[in-house]
Amino acid sequence: TGDLLALAPLADGGEGTLDAIAAAGGWDWRTTDVMGPLGQPVDARWLI
């Protein structure tokens, strides 16, 4: 309708938080190999 909207993605700090932060803009994705809870390698994403 032409209304001006302020976008403010929200998350609770768990799964999906990085996606909400990235949606706000000004972030670059990175991936790092980490050890999962059972000792297996996991590719974990993070933002800078």
All heavy atoms as atom14 arrays in JSON, in Angstrom:
{
  "sequence": "TGDLLALAPLADGGEGTLDAIAAAGGWDWRTTDVMGPLGQPVDARWLI",
  "atom14_mask": [
    [1, 1, 1, 1, 1, 1, 1, 0, 0, 0, 0, 0, 0, 0],
    [1, 1, 1, 1, 0, 0, 0, 0, 0, 0, 0, 0, 0, 0],
    [1, 1, 1, 1, 1, 1, 1, 1, 0, 0, 0, 0, 0, 0],
    [1, 1, 1, 1, 1, 1, 1, 1, 0, 0, 0, 0, 0, 0],
    [1, 1, 1, 1, 1, 1, 1, 1, 0, 0, 0, 0, 0, 0],
    [1, 1, 1, 1, 1, 0, 0, 0, 0, 0, 0, 0, 0, 0],
    [1, 1, 1, 1, 1, 1, 1, 1, 0, 0, 0, 0, 0, 0],
    [1, 1, 1, 1, 1, 0, 0, 0, 0, 0, 0, 0, 0, 0],
    [1, 1, 1, 1, 1, 1, 1, 0, 0, 0, 0, 0, 0, 0],
    [1, 1, 1, 1, 1, 1, 1, 1, 0, 0, 0, 0, 0, 0],
    [1, 1, 1, 1, 1, 0, 0, 0, 0, 0, 0, 0, 0, 0],
    [1, 1, 1, 1, 1, 1, 1, 1, 0, 0, 0, 0, 0, 0],
    [1, 1, 1, 1, 0, 0, 0, 0, 0, 0, 0, 0, 0, 0],
    [1, 1, 1, 1, 0, 0, 0, 0, 0, 0, 0, 0, 0, 0],
    [1, 1, 1, 1, 1, 1, 1, 1, 1, 0, 0, 0, 0, 0],
    [1, 1, 1, 1, 0, 0, 0, 0, 0, 0, 0, 0, 0, 0],
    [1, 1, 1, 1, 1, 1, 1, 0, 0, 0, 0, 0, 0, 0],
    [1, 1, 1, 1, 1, 1, 1, 1, 0, 0, 0, 0, 0, 0],
    [1, 1, 1, 1, 1, 1, 1, 1, 0, 0, 0, 0, 0, 0],
    [1, 1, 1, 1, 1, 0, 0, 0, 0, 0, 0, 0, 0, 0],
    [1, 1, 1, 1, 1, 1, 1, 1, 0, 0, 0, 0, 0, 0],
    [1, 1, 1, 1, 1, 0, 0, 0, 0, 0, 0, 0, 0, 0],
    [1, 1, 1, 1, 1, 0, 0, 0, 0, 0, 0, 0, 0, 0],
    [1, 1, 1, 1, 1, 0, 0, 0, 0, 0, 0, 0, 0, 0],
    [1, 1, 1, 1, 0, 0, 0, 0, 0, 0, 0, 0, 0, 0],
    [1, 1, 1, 1, 0, 0, 0, 0, 0, 0, 0, 0, 0, 0],
    [1, 1, 1, 1, 1, 1, 1, 1, 1, 1, 1, 1, 1, 1],
    [1, 1, 1, 1, 1, 1, 1, 1, 0, 0, 0, 0, 0, 0],
    [1, 1, 1, 1, 1, 1, 1, 1, 1, 1, 1, 1, 1, 1],
    [1, 1, 1, 1, 1, 1, 1, 1, 1, 1, 1, 0, 0, 0],
    [1, 1, 1, 1, 1, 1, 1, 0, 0, 0, 0, 0, 0, 0],
    [1, 1, 1, 1, 1, 1, 1, 0, 0, 0, 0, 0, 0, 0],
    [1, 1, 1, 1, 1, 1, 1, 1, 0, 0, 0, 0, 0, 0],
    [1, 1, 1, 1, 1, 1, 1, 0, 0, 0, 0, 0, 0, 0],
    [1, 1, 1, 1, 1, 1, 1, 1, 0, 0, 0, 0, 0, 0],
    [1, 1, 1, 1, 0, 0, 0, 0, 0, 0, 0, 0, 0, 0],
    [1, 1, 1, 1, 1, 1, 1, 0, 0, 0, 0, 0, 0, 0],
    [1, 1, 1, 1, 1, 1, 1, 1, 0, 0, 0, 0, 0, 0],
    [1, 1, 1, 1, 0, 0, 0, 0, 0, 0, 0, 0, 0, 0],
    [1, 1, 1, 1, 1, 1, 1, 1, 1, 0, 0, 0, 0, 0],
    [1, 1, 1, 1, 1, 1, 1, 0, 0, 0, 0, 0, 0, 0],
    [1, 1, 1, 1, 1, 1, 1, 0, 0, 0, 0, 0, 0, 0],
    [1, 1, 1, 1, 1, 1, 1, 1, 0, 0, 0, 0, 0, 0],
    [1, 1, 1, 1, 1, 0, 0, 0, 0, 0, 0, 0, 0, 0],
    [1, 1, 1, 1, 1, 1, 1, 1, 1, 1, 1, 0, 0, 0],
    [1, 1, 1, 1, 1, 1, 1, 1, 1, 1, 1, 1, 1, 1],
    [1, 1, 1, 1, 1, 1, 1, 1, 0, 0, 0, 0, 0, 0],
    [1, 1, 1, 1, 1, 1, 1, 1, 0, 0, 0, 0, 0, 0]
  ],
  "atom14_positions": [
    [[0.82, -1.22, 0.0], [0.0, 0.0, 0.0], [0.85, 1.26, 0.0], [0.32, 2.36, 0.1], [-0.93, 0.02, 1.23], [-0.12, -0.01, 2.41], [-1.88, -1.16, 1.22], [0.0, 0.0, 0.0], [0.0, 0.0, 0.0], [0.0, 0.0, 0.0], [0.0, 0.0, 0.0], [0.0, 0.0, 0.0], [0.0, 0.0, 0.0], [0.0, 0.0, 0.0]],
    [[2.18, 1.08, -0.1], [3.07, 2.23, -0.11], [3.56, 2.64, 1.27], [4.33, 3.58, 1.4], [0.0, 0.0, 0.0], [0.0, 0.0, 0.0], [0.0, 0.0, 0.0], [0.0, 0.0, 0.0], [0.0, 0.0, 0.0], [0.0, 0.0, 0.0], [0.0, 0.0, 0.0], [0.0, 0.0, 0.0], [0.0, 0.0, 0.0], [0.0, 0.0, 0.0]],
    [[3.08, 1.95, 2.3], [3.54, 2.26, 3.65], [5.03, 1.93, 3.79], [5.53, 0.98, 3.2], [2.78, 1.42, 4.69], [1.3, 1.77, 4.73], [0.96, 2.93, 4.43], [0.5, 0.87, 5.06], [0.0, 0.0, 0.0], [0.0, 0.0, 0.0], [0.0, 0.0, 0.0], [0.0, 0.0, 0.0], [0.0, 0.0, 0.0], [0.0, 0.0, 0.0]],
    [[5.73, 2.73, 4.57], [7.13, 2.5, 4.84], [7.26, 1.49, 5.98], [6.68, 1.68, 7.06], [7.83, 3.81, 5.22], [9.34, 3.78, 5.3], [9.97, 3.35, 3.98], [9.87, 5.15, 5.69], [0.0, 0.0, 0.0], [0.0, 0.0, 0.0], [0.0, 0.0, 0.0], [0.0, 0.0, 0.0], [0.0, 0.0, 0.0], [0.0, 0.0, 0.0]],
    [[7.98, 0.41, 5.75], [8.12, -0.66, 6.73], [9.56, -0.74, 7.22], [10.49, -0.71, 6.42], [7.74, -2.01, 6.12], [6.37, -2.09, 5.46], [6.2, -3.42, 4.75], [5.28, -1.89, 6.5], [0.0, 0.0, 0.0], [0.0, 0.0, 0.0], [0.0, 0.0, 0.0], [0.0, 0.0, 0.0], [0.0, 0.0, 0.0], [0.0, 0.0, 0.0]],
    [[9.74, -0.86, 8.52], [11.07, -1.1, 9.1], [11.2, -2.6, 9.31], [10.4, -3.21, 10.02], [11.22, -0.36, 10.42], [0.0, 0.0, 0.0], [0.0, 0.0, 0.0], [0.0, 0.0, 0.0], [0.0, 0.0, 0.0], [0.0, 0.0, 0.0], [0.0, 0.0, 0.0], [0.0, 0.0, 0.0], [0.0, 0.0, 0.0], [0.0, 0.0, 0.0]],
    [[12.19, -3.21, 8.67], [12.41, -4.64, 8.8], [13.32, -4.9, 9.99], [14.39, -4.32, 10.11], [13.04, -5.2, 7.53], [12.25, -4.93, 6.24], [12.99, -5.5, 5.04], [10.85, -5.52, 6.33], [0.0, 0.0, 0.0], [0.0, 0.0, 0.0], [0.0, 0.0, 0.0], [0.0, 0.0, 0.0], [0.0, 0.0, 0.0], [0.0, 0.0, 0.0]],
    [[12.88, -5.77, 10.89], [13.65, -6.08, 12.1], [13.57, -7.58, 12.36], [12.75, -8.04, 13.15], [13.12, -5.3, 13.29], [0.0, 0.0, 0.0], [0.0, 0.0, 0.0], [0.0, 0.0, 0.0], [0.0, 0.0, 0.0], [0.0, 0.0, 0.0], [0.0, 0.0, 0.0], [0.0, 0.0, 0.0], [0.0, 0.0, 0.0], [0.0, 0.0, 0.0]],
    [[14.42, -8.37, 11.68], [14.39, -9.81, 11.9], [14.67, -10.14, 13.37], [15.5, -9.5, 14.01], [15.52, -10.33, 11.02], [15.77, -9.25, 10.02], [15.42, -7.97, 10.73], [0.0, 0.0, 0.0], [0.0, 0.0, 0.0], [0.0, 0.0, 0.0], [0.0, 0.0, 0.0], [0.0, 0.0, 0.0], [0.0, 0.0, 0.0], [0.0, 0.0, 0.0]],
    [[13.96, -11.13, 13.9], [14.13, -11.54, 15.29], [14.45, -13.02, 15.37], [14.05, -13.8, 14.52], [12.85, -11.28, 16.09], [12.39, -9.84, 16.18], [11.04, -9.78, 16.88], [13.4, -9.0, 16.92], [0.0, 0.0, 0.0], [0.0, 0.0, 0.0], [0.0, 0.0, 0.0], [0.0, 0.0, 0.0], [0.0, 0.0, 0.0], [0.0, 0.0, 0.0]],
    [[15.16, -13.41, 16.42], [15.45, -14.82, 16.67], [15.66, -14.99, 18.17], [15.92, -14.03, 18.89], [16.68, -15.25, 15.9], [0.0, 0.0, 0.0], [0.0, 0.0, 0.0], [0.0, 0.0, 0.0], [0.0, 0.0, 0.0], [0.0, 0.0, 0.0], [0.0, 0.0, 0.0], [0.0, 0.0, 0.0], [0.0, 0.0, 0.0], [0.0, 0.0, 0.0]],
    [[15.56, -16.23, 18.63], [15.68, -16.5, 20.07], [17.08, -16.93, 20.49], [17.31, -17.3, 21.63], [14.66, -17.54, 20.5], [14.9, -18.9, 19.86], [15.88, -19.04, 19.1], [14.1, -19.81, 20.12], [0.0, 0.0, 0.0], [0.0, 0.0, 0.0], [0.0, 0.0, 0.0], [0.0, 0.0, 0.0], [0.0, 0.0, 0.0], [0.0, 0.0, 0.0]],
    [[18.03, -16.9, 19.57], [19.4, -17.29, 19.88], [19.72, -18.72, 19.51], [20.87, -19.14, 19.57], [0.0, 0.0, 0.0], [0.0, 0.0, 0.0], [0.0, 0.0, 0.0], [0.0, 0.0, 0.0], [0.0, 0.0, 0.0], [0.0, 0.0, 0.0], [0.0, 0.0, 0.0], [0.0, 0.0, 0.0], [0.0, 0.0, 0.0], [0.0, 0.0, 0.0]],
    [[18.73, -19.49, 19.08], [18.95, -20.87, 18.68], [19.03, -20.98, 17.17], [19.43, -20.04, 16.47], [0.0, 0.0, 0.0], [0.0, 0.0, 0.0], [0.0, 0.0, 0.0], [0.0, 0.0, 0.0], [0.0, 0.0, 0.0], [0.0, 0.0, 0.0], [0.0, 0.0, 0.0], [0.0, 0.0, 0.0], [0.0, 0.0, 0.0], [0.0, 0.0, 0.0]],
    [[18.63, -22.14, 16.67], [18.67, -22.4, 15.24], [17.91, -21.32, 14.48], [16.8, -20.96, 14.84], [18.05, -23.77, 14.96], [18.19, -24.21, 13.53], [17.68, -25.61, 13.31], [17.3, -26.28, 14.29], [17.65, -26.03, 12.15], [0.0, 0.0, 0.0], [0.0, 0.0, 0.0], [0.0, 0.0, 0.0], [0.0, 0.0, 0.0], [0.0, 0.0, 0.0]],
    [[18.52, -20.78, 13.45], [17.91, -19.73, 12.64], [18.36, -18.33, 13.01], [18.07, -17.38, 12.29], [0.0, 0.0, 0.0], [0.0, 0.0, 0.0], [0.0, 0.0, 0.0], [0.0, 0.0, 0.0], [0.0, 0.0, 0.0], [0.0, 0.0, 0.0], [0.0, 0.0, 0.0], [0.0, 0.0, 0.0], [0.0, 0.0, 0.0], [0.0, 0.0, 0.0]],
    [[19.08, -18.19, 14.12], [19.52, -16.86, 14.54], [20.44, -16.22, 13.5], [20.29, -15.04, 13.18], [20.22, -16.93, 15.91], [19.26, -17.35, 16.88], [20.79, -15.59, 16.32], [0.0, 0.0, 0.0], [0.0, 0.0, 0.0], [0.0, 0.0, 0.0], [0.0, 0.0, 0.0], [0.0, 0.0, 0.0], [0.0, 0.0, 0.0], [0.0, 0.0, 0.0]],
    [[21.37, -16.99, 12.96], [22.29, -16.42, 11.97], [21.54, -15.94, 10.74], [21.87, -14.89, 10.18], [23.36, -17.44, 11.57], [24.37, -17.8, 12.64], [25.38, -18.81, 12.08], [25.1, -16.58, 13.17], [0.0, 0.0, 0.0], [0.0, 0.0, 0.0], [0.0, 0.0, 0.0], [0.0, 0.0, 0.0], [0.0, 0.0, 0.0], [0.0, 0.0, 0.0]],
    [[20.52, -16.69, 10.32], [19.74, -16.27, 9.16], [19.02, -14.95, 9.43], [18.95, -14.08, 8.56], [18.73, -17.35, 8.78], [19.41, -18.62, 8.29], [20.39, -18.52, 7.52], [18.95, -19.71, 8.67], [0.0, 0.0, 0.0], [0.0, 0.0, 0.0], [0.0, 0.0, 0.0], [0.0, 0.0, 0.0], [0.0, 0.0, 0.0], [0.0, 0.0, 0.0]],
    [[18.51, -14.78, 10.64], [17.83, -13.53, 11.0], [18.81, -12.36, 11.02], [18.5, -11.28, 10.53], [17.15, -13.67, 12.36], [0.0, 0.0, 0.0], [0.0, 0.0, 0.0], [0.0, 0.0, 0.0], [0.0, 0.0, 0.0], [0.0, 0.0, 0.0], [0.0, 0.0, 0.0], [0.0, 0.0, 0.0], [0.0, 0.0, 0.0], [0.0, 0.0, 0.0]],
    [[19.99, -12.58, 11.58], [21.0, -11.51, 11.62], [21.45, -11.16, 10.21], [21.54, -9.98, 9.84], [22.19, -11.93, 12.5], [21.76, -12.06, 13.95], [23.35, -10.94, 12.36], [22.78, -12.72, 14.85], [0.0, 0.0, 0.0], [0.0, 0.0, 0.0], [0.0, 0.0, 0.0], [0.0, 0.0, 0.0], [0.0, 0.0, 0.0], [0.0, 0.0, 0.0]],
    [[21.71, -12.17, 9.38], [22.18, -11.93, 8.02], [21.14, -11.16, 7.2], [21.51, -10.35, 6.35], [22.51, -13.26, 7.34], [0.0, 0.0, 0.0], [0.0, 0.0, 0.0], [0.0, 0.0, 0.0], [0.0, 0.0, 0.0], [0.0, 0.0, 0.0], [0.0, 0.0, 0.0], [0.0, 0.0, 0.0], [0.0, 0.0, 0.0], [0.0, 0.0, 0.0]],
    [[19.86, -11.39, 7.48], [18.8, -10.71, 6.74], [18.84, -9.19, 6.94], [18.36, -8.44, 6.09], [17.43, -11.25, 7.17], [0.0, 0.0, 0.0], [0.0, 0.0, 0.0], [0.0, 0.0, 0.0], [0.0, 0.0, 0.0], [0.0, 0.0, 0.0], [0.0, 0.0, 0.0], [0.0, 0.0, 0.0], [0.0, 0.0, 0.0], [0.0, 0.0, 0.0]],
    [[19.42, -8.75, 8.05], [19.51, -7.32, 8.32], [20.56, -6.64, 7.45], [20.55, -5.42, 7.3], [19.82, -7.08, 9.8], [0.0, 0.0, 0.0], [0.0, 0.0, 0.0], [0.0, 0.0, 0.0], [0.0, 0.0, 0.0], [0.0, 0.0, 0.0], [0.0, 0.0, 0.0], [0.0, 0.0, 0.0], [0.0, 0.0, 0.0], [0.0, 0.0, 0.0]],
    [[21.46, -7.41, 6.86], [22.5, -6.87, 5.98], [23.76, -6.47, 6.73], [23.75, -6.3, 7.94], [0.0, 0.0, 0.0], [0.0, 0.0, 0.0], [0.0, 0.0, 0.0], [0.0, 0.0, 0.0], [0.0, 0.0, 0.0], [0.0, 0.0, 0.0], [0.0, 0.0, 0.0], [0.0, 0.0, 0.0], [0.0, 0.0, 0.0], [0.0, 0.0, 0.0]],
    [[24.84, -6.36, 5.99], [26.12, -5.94, 6.56], [26.95, -7.08, 7.13], [27.85, -6.85, 7.93], [0.0, 0.0, 0.0], [0.0, 0.0, 0.0], [0.0, 0.0, 0.0], [0.0, 0.0, 0.0], [0.0, 0.0, 0.0], [0.0, 0.0, 0.0], [0.0, 0.0, 0.0], [0.0, 0.0, 0.0], [0.0, 0.0, 0.0], [0.0, 0.0, 0.0]],
    [[26.66, -8.32, 6.7], [27.34, -9.5, 7.23], [27.84, -10.38, 6.1], [27.24, -10.46, 5.04], [26.38, -10.31, 8.11], [25.88, -9.51, 9.26], [24.73, -8.78, 9.31], [26.53, -9.3, 10.5], [24.62, -8.15, 10.51], [25.71, -8.45, 11.27], [27.73, -9.77, 11.05], [26.06, -8.05, 12.55], [28.07, -9.37, 12.32], [27.23, -8.53, 13.07]],
    [[28.96, -11.07, 6.36], [29.51, -12.04, 5.42], [29.49, -13.41, 6.08], [29.82, -13.54, 7.26], [30.95, -11.68, 5.05], [31.05, -10.38, 4.28], [30.19, -10.14, 3.4], [31.99, -9.61, 4.54], [0.0, 0.0, 0.0], [0.0, 0.0, 0.0], [0.0, 0.0, 0.0], [0.0, 0.0, 0.0], [0.0, 0.0, 0.0], [0.0, 0.0, 0.0]],
    [[29.1, -14.43, 5.31], [29.08, -15.8, 5.81], [30.48, -16.4, 5.77], [31.25, -16.15, 4.85], [28.17, -16.67, 4.95], [26.72, -16.42, 5.17], [25.89, -15.66, 4.4], [25.92, -16.93, 6.24], [24.62, -15.67, 4.93], [24.61, -16.45, 6.06], [26.19, -17.75, 7.33], [23.58, -16.76, 6.92], [25.15, -18.06, 8.19], [23.86, -17.57, 7.98]],
    [[30.79, -17.21, 6.75], [32.03, -17.99, 6.81], [31.65, -19.41, 7.23], [30.6, -19.64, 7.84], [33.01, -17.43, 7.85], [33.48, -16.01, 7.59], [34.49, -16.0, 6.45], [35.17, -14.73, 6.38], [34.79, -13.72, 5.62], [33.7, -13.81, 4.9], [35.49, -12.6, 5.6], [0.0, 0.0, 0.0], [0.0, 0.0, 0.0], [0.0, 0.0, 0.0]],
    [[32.51, -20.37, 6.93], [32.32, -21.75, 7.36], [33.63, -22.25, 7.96], [34.7, -21.97, 7.43], [31.93, -22.65, 6.17], [30.75, -22.13, 5.56], [31.67, -24.08, 6.61], [0.0, 0.0, 0.0], [0.0, 0.0, 0.0], [0.0, 0.0, 0.0], [0.0, 0.0, 0.0], [0.0, 0.0, 0.0], [0.0, 0.0, 0.0], [0.0, 0.0, 0.0]],
    [[33.51, -22.95, 9.07], [34.67, -23.5, 9.77], [34.38, -24.95, 10.13], [33.28, -25.29, 10.53], [34.96, -22.7, 11.06], [35.18, -21.33, 10.71], [36.17, -23.23, 11.79], [0.0, 0.0, 0.0], [0.0, 0.0, 0.0], [0.0, 0.0, 0.0], [0.0, 0.0, 0.0], [0.0, 0.0, 0.0], [0.0, 0.0, 0.0], [0.0, 0.0, 0.0]],
    [[35.41, -25.8, 10.0], [35.28, -27.19, 10.44], [35.39, -27.22, 11.96], [36.35, -26.7, 12.53], [36.39, -28.05, 9.84], [36.26, -28.2, 8.34], [35.13, -28.2, 7.84], [37.31, -28.32, 7.68], [0.0, 0.0, 0.0], [0.0, 0.0, 0.0], [0.0, 0.0, 0.0], [0.0, 0.0, 0.0], [0.0, 0.0, 0.0], [0.0, 0.0, 0.0]],
    [[34.4, -27.8, 12.61], [34.39, -27.94, 14.07], [34.08, -29.38, 14.43], [33.7, -30.18, 13.58], [33.37, -26.99, 14.74], [33.69, -25.53, 14.42], [31.95, -27.33, 14.3], [0.0, 0.0, 0.0], [0.0, 0.0, 0.0], [0.0, 0.0, 0.0], [0.0, 0.0, 0.0], [0.0, 0.0, 0.0], [0.0, 0.0, 0.0], [0.0, 0.0, 0.0]],
    [[34.24, -29.72, 15.7], [33.92, -31.06, 16.17], [32.52, -31.05, 16.77], [32.23, -30.26, 17.66], [34.94, -31.51, 17.21], [34.76, -32.97, 17.61], [36.0, -33.54, 18.79], [37.5, -33.28, 17.89], [0.0, 0.0, 0.0], [0.0, 0.0, 0.0], [0.0, 0.0, 0.0], [0.0, 0.0, 0.0], [0.0, 0.0, 0.0], [0.0, 0.0, 0.0]],
    [[31.65, -31.92, 16.28], [30.29, -32.03, 16.79], [30.26, -32.72, 18.14], [31.28, -33.17, 18.67], [0.0, 0.0, 0.0], [0.0, 0.0, 0.0], [0.0, 0.0, 0.0], [0.0, 0.0, 0.0], [0.0, 0.0, 0.0], [0.0, 0.0, 0.0], [0.0, 0.0, 0.0], [0.0, 0.0, 0.0], [0.0, 0.0, 0.0], [0.0, 0.0, 0.0]],
    [[29.08, -32.85, 18.73], [28.95, -33.4, 20.08], [29.36, -34.87, 20.18], [29.69, -35.34, 21.27], [27.46, -33.23, 20.4], [26.8, -33.09, 19.08], [27.8, -32.44, 18.18], [0.0, 0.0, 0.0], [0.0, 0.0, 0.0], [0.0, 0.0, 0.0], [0.0, 0.0, 0.0], [0.0, 0.0, 0.0], [0.0, 0.0, 0.0], [0.0, 0.0, 0.0]],
    [[29.37, -35.59, 19.07], [29.77, -36.99, 19.08], [31.19, -37.18, 18.53], [31.6, -38.3, 18.25], [28.77, -37.84, 18.29], [27.33, -37.79, 18.8], [26.41, -38.6, 17.9], [27.25, -38.27, 20.24], [0.0, 0.0, 0.0], [0.0, 0.0, 0.0], [0.0, 0.0, 0.0], [0.0, 0.0, 0.0], [0.0, 0.0, 0.0], [0.0, 0.0, 0.0]],
    [[31.92, -36.07, 18.39], [33.3, -36.12, 17.93], [33.45, -36.16, 16.42], [34.57, -36.28, 15.92], [0.0, 0.0, 0.0], [0.0, 0.0, 0.0], [0.0, 0.0, 0.0], [0.0, 0.0, 0.0], [0.0, 0.0, 0.0], [0.0, 0.0, 0.0], [0.0, 0.0, 0.0], [0.0, 0.0, 0.0], [0.0, 0.0, 0.0], [0.0, 0.0, 0.0]],
    [[32.37, -36.05, 15.68], [32.45, -36.07, 14.23], [32.7, -34.66, 13.7], [32.3, -33.68, 14.31], [31.17, -36.65, 13.63], [29.98, -35.72, 13.57], [29.27, -35.48, 14.9], [29.75, -35.8, 15.98], [28.1, -34.87, 14.82], [0.0, 0.0, 0.0], [0.0, 0.0, 0.0], [0.0, 0.0, 0.0], [0.0, 0.0, 0.0], [0.0, 0.0, 0.0]],
    [[33.37, -34.53, 12.53], [33.57, -33.2, 11.95], [32.26, -32.63, 11.41], [31.44, -33.36, 10.86], [34.57, -33.45, 10.83], [34.46, -34.9, 10.51], [33.99, -35.59, 11.75], [0.0, 0.0, 0.0], [0.0, 0.0, 0.0], [0.0, 0.0, 0.0], [0.0, 0.0, 0.0], [0.0, 0.0, 0.0], [0.0, 0.0, 0.0], [0.0, 0.0, 0.0]],
    [[32.07, -31.35, 11.61], [30.88, -30.64, 11.15], [31.32, -29.32, 10.53], [32.2, -28.64, 11.06], [29.92, -30.34, 12.35], [28.74, -29.51, 11.9], [29.48, -31.61, 13.02], [0.0, 0.0, 0.0], [0.0, 0.0, 0.0], [0.0, 0.0, 0.0], [0.0, 0.0, 0.0], [0.0, 0.0, 0.0], [0.0, 0.0, 0.0], [0.0, 0.0, 0.0]],
    [[30.74, -28.97, 9.39], [30.97, -27.64, 8.8], [29.97, -26.68, 9.43], [28.77, -26.79, 9.19], [30.76, -27.66, 7.29], [31.85, -28.4, 6.54], [32.98, -28.46, 7.07], [31.58, -28.9, 5.45], [0.0, 0.0, 0.0], [0.0, 0.0, 0.0], [0.0, 0.0, 0.0], [0.0, 0.0, 0.0], [0.0, 0.0, 0.0], [0.0, 0.0, 0.0]],
    [[30.44, -25.77, 10.25], [29.57, -24.82, 10.94], [29.69, -23.44, 10.29], [30.79, -22.94, 10.08], [29.93, -24.74, 12.41], [0.0, 0.0, 0.0], [0.0, 0.0, 0.0], [0.0, 0.0, 0.0], [0.0, 0.0, 0.0], [0.0, 0.0, 0.0], [0.0, 0.0, 0.0], [0.0, 0.0, 0.0], [0.0, 0.0, 0.0], [0.0, 0.0, 0.0]],
    [[28.55, -22.84, 10.0], [28.53, -21.49, 9.43], [28.57, -20.46, 10.56], [28.1, -20.71, 11.66], [27.27, -21.26, 8.6], [27.1, -22.21, 7.46], [25.76, -21.99, 6.75], [24.66, -21.91, 7.72], [23.56, -21.19, 7.54], [23.38, -20.49, 6.45], [22.61, -21.17, 8.46], [0.0, 0.0, 0.0], [0.0, 0.0, 0.0], [0.0, 0.0, 0.0]],
    [[29.11, -19.3, 10.27], [29.09, -18.18, 11.2], [29.13, -16.9, 10.39], [29.34, -16.92, 9.18], [30.22, -18.27, 12.21], [31.61, -18.37, 11.65], [32.19, -19.48, 11.1], [32.59, -17.34, 11.61], [33.48, -19.2, 10.72], [33.76, -17.89, 11.02], [32.62, -16.01, 12.0], [34.91, -17.15, 10.81], [33.78, -15.29, 11.8], [34.91, -15.85, 11.22]],
    [[28.89, -15.78, 11.06], [28.85, -14.48, 10.4], [29.93, -13.57, 10.93], [30.24, -13.59, 12.12], [27.5, -13.8, 10.64], [26.28, -14.4, 9.97], [25.02, -13.71, 10.49], [26.37, -14.27, 8.46], [0.0, 0.0, 0.0], [0.0, 0.0, 0.0], [0.0, 0.0, 0.0], [0.0, 0.0, 0.0], [0.0, 0.0, 0.0], [0.0, 0.0, 0.0]],
    [[30.46, -12.74, 10.05], [31.36, -11.66, 10.45], [30.86, -10.38, 9.81], [30.38, -10.39, 8.66], [32.83, -11.96, 10.07], [33.76, -10.92, 10.71], [33.01, -12.04, 8.57], [35.21, -11.32, 10.73], [0.0, 0.0, 0.0], [0.0, 0.0, 0.0], [0.0, 0.0, 0.0], [0.0, 0.0, 0.0], [0.0, 0.0, 0.0], [0.0, 0.0, 0.0]]
  ]
}
